[in-house]
Amino acid sequence: MYGLEKEKKPFEFGLETELKKDRKKAKARLDEIDEHIHEVKKEIREGKSSKELDDLGVILHGYTATKKVLNKALKS
């Protein structure tokens, strides 16, 4: 019925809820991910075969998405 619906909580990743509790762990993870992003970018700059570049692009997108989730968890 109208107005009787339960309010839904916003979706949170398991990693997000875990890292909200422990800020030091979140900061360490963020630093780790930054290092990995720099390594992947370095590999991309060196130039590899097109298959390897595609794979590195996917990995880079994964790391940047994880970084966004961590930054969101740290802000809230």
PDB file of N, CA and C in Angstrom:
ATOM      1  N   MET A   1       0.839  -1.170   0.000  1.00  0.00           N
ATOM      2  CA  MET A   1       0.000   0.000   0.000  1.00  0.00           C
ATOM      3  C   MET A   1       0.884   1.233   0.000  1.00  0.00           C
ATOM      4  N   TYR A   2       0.304   2.322  -0.367  1.00  0.00           N
ATOM      5  CA  TYR A   2       1.066   3.559  -0.465  1.00  0.00           C
ATOM      6  C   TYR A   2       1.471   4.064   0.908  1.00  0.00           C
ATOM      7  N   GLY A   3       2.730   4.398   1.028  1.00  0.00           N
ATOM      8  CA  GLY A   3       3.232   4.954   2.273  1.00  0.00           C
ATOM      9  C   GLY A   3       3.587   3.921   3.328  1.00  0.00           C
ATOM     10  N   LEU A   4       3.311   2.661   3.062  1.00  0.00           N
ATOM     11  CA  LEU A   4       3.602   1.629   4.041  1.00  0.00           C
ATOM     12  C   LEU A   4       4.868   0.835   3.699  1.00  0.00           C
ATOM     13  N   GLU A   5       5.533   1.192   2.602  1.00  0.00           N
ATOM     14  CA  GLU A   5       6.743   0.482   2.216  1.00  0.00           C
ATOM     15  C   GLU A   5       7.864   0.789   3.206  1.00  0.00           C
ATOM     16  N   LYS A   6       8.707  -0.191   3.402  1.00  0.00           N
ATOM     17  CA  LYS A   6       9.857   0.015   4.273  1.00  0.00           C
ATOM     18  C   LYS A   6      10.909   0.799   3.507  1.00  0.00           C
ATOM     19  N   GLU A   7      11.621   1.643   4.236  1.00  0.00           N
ATOM     20  CA  GLU A   7      12.701   2.401   3.603  1.00  0.00           C
ATOM     21  C   GLU A   7      13.881   1.458   3.362  1.00  0.00           C
ATOM     22  N   LYS A   8      14.437   1.529   2.176  1.00  0.00           N
ATOM     23  CA  LYS A   8      15.571   0.672   1.843  1.00  0.00           C
ATOM     24  C   LYS A   8      16.864   1.393   2.195  1.00  0.00           C
ATOM     25  N   LYS A   9      17.797   0.635   2.763  1.00  0.00           N
ATOM     26  CA  LYS A   9      19.110   1.176   3.045  1.00  0.00           C
ATOM     27  C   LYS A   9      19.891   1.238   1.729  1.00  0.00           C
ATOM     28  N   PRO A  10      20.755   2.219   1.584  1.00  0.00           N
ATOM     29  CA  PRO A  10      21.586   2.243   0.377  1.00  0.00           C
ATOM     30  C   PRO A  10      22.516   1.038   0.369  1.00  0.00           C
ATOM     31  N   PHE A  11      22.800   0.543  -0.818  1.00  0.00           N
ATOM     32  CA  PHE A  11      23.657  -0.633  -0.961  1.00  0.00           C
ATOM     33  C   PHE A  11      25.081  -0.309  -0.554  1.00  0.00           C
ATOM     34  N   GLU A  12      25.699  -1.199   0.200  1.00  0.00           N
ATOM     35  CA  GLU A  12      27.102  -1.057   0.586  1.00  0.00           C
ATOM     36  C   GLU A  12      27.820  -2.366   0.294  1.00  0.00           C
ATOM     37  N   PHE A  13      29.012  -2.263  -0.263  1.00  0.00           N
ATOM     38  CA  PHE A  13      29.836  -3.429  -0.489  1.00  0.00           C
ATOM     39  C   PHE A  13      30.332  -3.952   0.845  1.00  0.00           C
ATOM     40  N   GLY A  14      30.626  -5.245   0.924  1.00  0.00           N
ATOM     41  CA  GLY A  14      31.155  -5.830   2.153  1.00  0.00           C
ATOM     42  C   GLY A  14      32.465  -5.186   2.549  1.00  0.00           C
ATOM     43  N   LEU A  15      33.304  -4.936   1.556  1.00  0.00           N
ATOM     44  CA  LEU A  15      34.582  -4.273   1.811  1.00  0.00           C
ATOM     45  C   LEU A  15      34.365  -2.873   2.366  1.00  0.00           C
ATOM     46  N   GLU A  16      33.352  -2.211   1.846  1.00  0.00           N
ATOM     47  CA  GLU A  16      33.053  -0.840   2.280  1.00  0.00           C
ATOM     48  C   GLU A  16      32.660  -0.801   3.750  1.00  0.00           C
ATOM     49  N   THR A  17      31.791  -1.701   4.176  1.00  0.00           N
ATOM     50  CA  THR A  17      31.358  -1.710   5.576  1.00  0.00           C
ATOM     51  C   THR A  17      32.510  -2.100   6.499  1.00  0.00           C
ATOM     52  N   GLU A  18      33.353  -3.020   6.036  1.00  0.00           N
ATOM     53  CA  GLU A  18      34.495  -3.448   6.837  1.00  0.00           C
ATOM     54  C   GLU A  18      35.491  -2.309   7.036  1.00  0.00           C
ATOM     55  N   LEU A  19      35.728  -1.551   5.979  1.00  0.00           N
ATOM     56  CA  LEU A  19      36.737  -0.500   6.062  1.00  0.00           C
ATOM     57  C   LEU A  19      36.224   0.766   6.736  1.00  0.00           C
ATOM     58  N   LYS A  20      34.908   0.928   6.811  1.00  0.00           N
ATOM     59  CA  LYS A  20      34.360   2.058   7.566  1.00  0.00           C
ATOM     60  C   LYS A  20      34.684   1.913   9.045  1.00  0.00           C
ATOM     61  N   LYS A  21      34.793   0.669   9.487  1.00  0.00           N
ATOM     62  CA  LYS A  21      35.083   0.410  10.890  1.00  0.00           C
ATOM     63  C   LYS A  21      36.551   0.639  11.221  1.00  0.00           C
ATOM     64  N   ASP A  22      37.436   0.365  10.262  1.00  0.00           N
ATOM     65  CA  ASP A  22      38.877   0.458  10.507  1.00  0.00           C
ATOM     66  C   ASP A  22      39.514   1.388   9.476  1.00  0.00           C
ATOM     67  N   ARG A  23      39.667   2.651   9.823  1.00  0.00           N
ATOM     68  CA  ARG A  23      40.186   3.669   8.899  1.00  0.00           C
ATOM     69  C   ARG A  23      41.648   3.428   8.522  1.00  0.00           C
ATOM     70  N   LYS A  24      42.455   2.922   9.457  1.00  0.00           N
ATOM     71  CA  LYS A  24      43.866   2.674   9.153  1.00  0.00           C
ATOM     72  C   LYS A  24      44.005   1.606   8.070  1.00  0.00           C
ATOM     73  N   LYS A  25      43.187   0.582   8.172  1.00  0.00           N
ATOM     74  CA  LYS A  25      43.211  -0.489   7.187  1.00  0.00           C
ATOM     75  C   LYS A  25      42.781   0.044   5.817  1.00  0.00           C
ATOM     76  N   ALA A  26      41.803   0.926   5.808  1.00  0.00           N
ATOM     77  CA  ALA A  26      41.332   1.516   4.558  1.00  0.00           C
ATOM     78  C   ALA A  26      42.422   2.361   3.915  1.00  0.00           C
ATOM     79  N   LYS A  27      43.117   3.128   4.714  1.00  0.00           N
ATOM     80  CA  LYS A  27      44.197   3.980   4.195  1.00  0.00           C
ATOM     81  C   LYS A  27      45.323   3.113   3.635  1.00  0.00           C
ATOM     82  N   ALA A  28      45.644   2.024   4.314  1.00  0.00           N
ATOM     83  CA  ALA A  28      46.689   1.115   3.830  1.00  0.00           C
ATOM     84  C   ALA A  28      46.272   0.478   2.509  1.00  0.00           C
ATOM     85  N   ARG A  29      45.015   0.069   2.401  1.00  0.00           N
ATOM     86  CA  ARG A  29      44.508  -0.508   1.152  1.00  0.00           C
ATOM     87  C   ARG A  29      44.573   0.508   0.023  1.00  0.00           C
ATOM     88  N   LEU A  30      44.217   1.735   0.324  1.00  0.00           N
ATOM     89  CA  LEU A  30      44.223   2.798  -0.682  1.00  0.00           C
ATOM     90  C   LEU A  30      45.643   3.033  -1.198  1.00  0.00           C
ATOM     91  N   ASP A  31      46.615   3.027  -0.304  1.00  0.00           N
ATOM     92  CA  ASP A  31      48.009   3.186  -0.710  1.00  0.00           C
ATOM     93  C   ASP A  31      48.470   2.012  -1.579  1.00  0.00           C
ATOM     94  N   GLU A  32      48.057   0.794  -1.204  1.00  0.00           N
ATOM     95  CA  GLU A  32      48.375  -0.398  -1.991  1.00  0.00           C
ATOM     96  C   GLU A  32      47.814  -0.287  -3.404  1.00  0.00           C
ATOM     97  N   ILE A  33      46.580   0.117  -3.492  1.00  0.00           N
ATOM     98  CA  ILE A  33      45.915   0.223  -4.788  1.00  0.00           C
ATOM     99  C   ILE A  33      46.583   1.292  -5.642  1.00  0.00           C
ATOM    100  N   ASP A  34      46.980   2.401  -5.026  1.00  0.00           N
ATOM    101  CA  ASP A  34      47.693   3.441  -5.770  1.00  0.00           C
ATOM    102  C   ASP A  34      48.997   2.903  -6.360  1.00  0.00           C
ATOM    103  N   GLU A  35      49.721   2.098  -5.585  1.00  0.00           N
ATOM    104  CA  GLU A  35      50.953   1.497  -6.086  1.00  0.00           C
ATOM    105  C   GLU A  35      50.665   0.596  -7.288  1.00  0.00           C
ATOM    106  N   HIS A  36      49.612  -0.211  -7.186  1.00  0.00           N
ATOM    107  CA  HIS A  36      49.256  -1.110  -8.287  1.00  0.00           C
ATOM    108  C   HIS A  36      48.845  -0.320  -9.529  1.00  0.00           C
ATOM    109  N   ILE A  37      48.123   0.761  -9.331  1.00  0.00           N
ATOM    110  CA  ILE A  37      47.707   1.592 -10.470  1.00  0.00           C
ATOM    111  C   ILE A  37      48.933   2.155 -11.180  1.00  0.00           C
ATOM    112  N   HIS A  38      49.904   2.624 -10.416  1.00  0.00           N
ATOM    113  CA  HIS A  38      51.125   3.169 -11.021  1.00  0.00           C
ATOM    114  C   HIS A  38      51.900   2.088 -11.779  1.00  0.00           C
ATOM    115  N   GLU A  39      51.934   0.870 -11.224  1.00  0.00           N
ATOM    116  CA  GLU A  39      52.611  -0.228 -11.906  1.00  0.00           C
ATOM    117  C   GLU A  39      51.929  -0.563 -13.229  1.00  0.00           C
ATOM    118  N   VAL A  40      50.603  -0.624 -13.225  1.00  0.00           N
ATOM    119  CA  VAL A  40      49.858  -0.952 -14.440  1.00  0.00           C
ATOM    120  C   VAL A  40      50.043   0.145 -15.479  1.00  0.00           C
ATOM    121  N   LYS A  41      49.993   1.392 -15.053  1.00  0.00           N
ATOM    122  CA  LYS A  41      50.198   2.504 -15.998  1.00  0.00           C
ATOM    123  C   LYS A  41      51.595   2.457 -16.603  1.00  0.00           C
ATOM    124  N   LYS A  42      52.577   2.081 -15.790  1.00  0.00           N
ATOM    125  CA  LYS A  42      53.942   1.960 -16.286  1.00  0.00           C
ATOM    126  C   LYS A  42      54.026   0.871 -17.354  1.00  0.00           C
ATOM    127  N   GLU A  43      53.373  -0.261 -17.103  1.00  0.00           N
ATOM    128  CA  GLU A  43      53.348  -1.348 -18.078  1.00  0.00           C
ATOM    129  C   GLU A  43      52.669  -0.909 -19.375  1.00  0.00           C
ATOM    130  N   ILE A  44      51.603  -0.139 -19.256  1.00  0.00           N
ATOM    131  CA  ILE A  44      50.890   0.334 -20.442  1.00  0.00           C
ATOM    132  C   ILE A  44      51.788   1.270 -21.245  1.00  0.00           C
ATOM    133  N   ARG A  45      52.518   2.138 -20.564  1.00  0.00           N
ATOM    134  CA  ARG A  45      53.403   3.077 -21.259  1.00  0.00           C
ATOM    135  C   ARG A  45      54.535   2.378 -21.992  1.00  0.00           C
ATOM    136  N   GLU A  46      55.006   1.261 -21.433  1.00  0.00           N
ATOM    137  CA  GLU A  46      56.099   0.525 -22.059  1.00  0.00           C
ATOM    138  C   GLU A  46      55.679  -0.062 -23.402  1.00  0.00           C
ATOM    139  N   GLY A  47      54.412  -0.331 -23.549  1.00  0.00           N
ATOM    140  CA  GLY A  47      53.901  -0.850 -24.804  1.00  0.00           C
ATOM    141  C   GLY A  47      54.038  -2.358 -24.873  1.00  0.00           C
ATOM    142  N   LYS A  48      52.955  -3.011 -25.017  1.00  0.00           N
ATOM    143  CA  LYS A  48      52.903  -4.468 -25.103  1.00  0.00           C
ATOM    144  C   LYS A  48      52.052  -4.822 -26.313  1.00  0.00           C
ATOM    145  N   SER A  49      51.782  -6.099 -26.477  1.00  0.00           N
ATOM    146  CA  SER A  49      50.898  -6.511 -27.571  1.00  0.00           C
ATOM    147  C   SER A  49      49.485  -6.022 -27.268  1.00  0.00           C
ATOM    148  N   SER A  50      48.655  -5.997 -28.285  1.00  0.00           N
ATOM    149  CA  SER A  50      47.303  -5.448 -28.102  1.00  0.00           C
ATOM    150  C   SER A  50      46.494  -6.269 -27.099  1.00  0.00           C
ATOM    151  N   LYS A  51      46.699  -7.585 -27.053  1.00  0.00           N
ATOM    152  CA  LYS A  51      45.978  -8.430 -26.090  1.00  0.00           C
ATOM    153  C   LYS A  51      46.389  -8.052 -24.660  1.00  0.00           C
ATOM    154  N   GLU A  52      47.684  -7.865 -24.436  1.00  0.00           N
ATOM    155  CA  GLU A  52      48.152  -7.496 -23.108  1.00  0.00           C
ATOM    156  C   GLU A  52      47.675  -6.100 -22.723  1.00  0.00           C
ATOM    157  N   LEU A  53      47.628  -5.194 -23.686  1.00  0.00           N
ATOM    158  CA  LEU A  53      47.133  -3.842 -23.397  1.00  0.00           C
ATOM    159  C   LEU A  53      45.661  -3.872 -23.006  1.00  0.00           C
ATOM    160  N   ASP A  54      44.881  -4.709 -23.682  1.00  0.00           N
ATOM    161  CA  ASP A  54      43.469  -4.842 -23.325  1.00  0.00           C
ATOM    162  C   ASP A  54      43.315  -5.383 -21.905  1.00  0.00           C
ATOM    163  N   ASP A  55      44.108  -6.399 -21.586  1.00  0.00           N
ATOM    164  CA  ASP A  55      44.048  -6.977 -20.241  1.00  0.00           C
ATOM    165  C   ASP A  55      44.467  -5.962 -19.183  1.00  0.00           C
ATOM    166  N   LEU A  56      45.527  -5.212 -19.467  1.00  0.00           N
ATOM    167  CA  LEU A  56      45.978  -4.189 -18.516  1.00  0.00           C
ATOM    168  C   LEU A  56      44.941  -3.089 -18.350  1.00  0.00           C
ATOM    169  N   GLY A  57      44.223  -2.762 -19.426  1.00  0.00           N
ATOM    170  CA  GLY A  57      43.156  -1.768 -19.340  1.00  0.00           C
ATOM    171  C   GLY A  57      42.038  -2.220 -18.423  1.00  0.00           C
ATOM    172  N   VAL A  58      41.680  -3.499 -18.517  1.00  0.00           N
ATOM    173  CA  VAL A  58      40.629  -4.053 -17.646  1.00  0.00           C
ATOM    174  C   VAL A  58      41.082  -4.025 -16.195  1.00  0.00           C
ATOM    175  N   ILE A  59      42.341  -4.405 -15.961  1.00  0.00           N
ATOM    176  CA  ILE A  59      42.885  -4.391 -14.600  1.00  0.00           C
ATOM    177  C   ILE A  59      42.895  -2.969 -14.049  1.00  0.00           C
ATOM    178  N   LEU A  60      43.294  -2.017 -14.888  1.00  0.00           N
ATOM    179  CA  LEU A  60      43.333  -0.617 -14.461  1.00  0.00           C
ATOM    180  C   LEU A  60      41.939  -0.119 -14.084  1.00  0.00           C
ATOM    181  N   HIS A  61      40.930  -0.471 -14.869  1.00  0.00           N
ATOM    182  CA  HIS A  61      39.557  -0.073 -14.551  1.00  0.00           C
ATOM    183  C   HIS A  61      39.100  -0.690 -13.233  1.00  0.00           C
ATOM    184  N   GLY A  62      39.498  -1.924 -12.980  1.00  0.00           N
ATOM    185  CA  GLY A  62      39.143  -2.577 -11.716  1.00  0.00           C
ATOM    186  C   GLY A  62      39.756  -1.875 -10.517  1.00  0.00           C
ATOM    187  N   TYR A  63      41.028  -1.524 -10.646  1.00  0.00           N
ATOM    188  CA  TYR A  63      41.692  -0.821  -9.546  1.00  0.00           C
ATOM    189  C   TYR A  63      41.091   0.558  -9.313  1.00  0.00           C
ATOM    190  N   THR A  64      40.761   1.272 -10.378  1.00  0.00           N
ATOM    191  CA  THR A  64      40.179   2.607 -10.186  1.00  0.00           C
ATOM    192  C   THR A  64      38.788   2.512  -9.570  1.00  0.00           C
ATOM    193  N   ALA A  65      38.026   1.481  -9.936  1.00  0.00           N
ATOM    194  CA  ALA A  65      36.699   1.300  -9.336  1.00  0.00           C
ATOM    195  C   ALA A  65      36.829   0.993  -7.845  1.00  0.00           C
ATOM    196  N   THR A  66      37.794   0.153  -7.497  1.00  0.00           N
ATOM    197  CA  THR A  66      38.016  -0.168  -6.088  1.00  0.00           C
ATOM    198  C   THR A  66      38.451   1.073  -5.317  1.00  0.00           C
ATOM    199  N   LYS A  67      39.262   1.889  -5.959  1.00  0.00           N
ATOM    200  CA  LYS A  67      39.716   3.132  -5.322  1.00  0.00           C
ATOM    201  C   LYS A  67      38.539   4.062  -5.055  1.00  0.00           C
ATOM    202  N   LYS A  68      37.582   4.128  -5.989  1.00  0.00           N
ATOM    203  CA  LYS A  68      36.395   4.952  -5.788  1.00  0.00           C
ATOM    204  C   LYS A  68      35.584   4.472  -4.595  1.00  0.00           C
ATOM    205  N   VAL A  69      35.437   3.158  -4.469  1.00  0.00           N
ATOM    206  CA  VAL A  69      34.675   2.588  -3.351  1.00  0.00           C
ATOM    207  C   VAL A  69      35.375   2.922  -2.029  1.00  0.00           C
ATOM    208  N   LEU A  70      36.699   2.792  -2.009  1.00  0.00           N
ATOM    209  CA  LEU A  70      37.437   3.107  -0.783  1.00  0.00           C
ATOM    210  C   LEU A  70      37.333   4.583  -0.423  1.00  0.00           C
ATOM    211  N   ASN A  71      37.441   5.445  -1.412  1.00  0.00           N
ATOM    212  CA  ASN A  71      37.299   6.875  -1.131  1.00  0.00           C
ATOM    213  C   ASN A  71      35.912   7.208  -0.617  1.00  0.00           C
ATOM    214  N   LYS A  72      34.907   6.555  -1.170  1.00  0.00           N
ATOM    215  CA  LYS A  72      33.537   6.758  -0.710  1.00  0.00           C
ATOM    216  C   LYS A  72      33.381   6.293   0.744  1.00  0.00           C
ATOM    217  N   ALA A  73      34.010   5.175   1.062  1.00  0.00           N
ATOM    218  CA  ALA A  73      33.933   4.639   2.435  1.00  0.00           C
ATOM    219  C   ALA A  73      34.654   5.549   3.417  1.00  0.00           C
ATOM    220  N   LEU A  74      35.752   6.150   2.990  1.00  0.00           N
ATOM    221  CA  LEU A  74      36.493   7.036   3.874  1.00  0.00           C
ATOM    222  C   LEU A  74      35.766   8.348   4.106  1.00  0.00           C
ATOM    223  N   LYS A  75      35.009   8.819   3.119  1.00  0.00           N
ATOM    224  CA  LYS A  75      34.295  10.097   3.250  1.00  0.00           C
ATOM    225  C   LYS A  75      33.076   9.992   4.165  1.00  0.00           C
ATOM    226  N   SER A  76      32.456   8.833   4.181  1.00  0.00           N
ATOM    227  CA  SER A  76      31.223   8.713   4.973  1.00  0.00           C
ATOM    228  C   SER A  76      31.478   8.205   6.363  1.00  0.00           C
TER     229      SER A  76
END
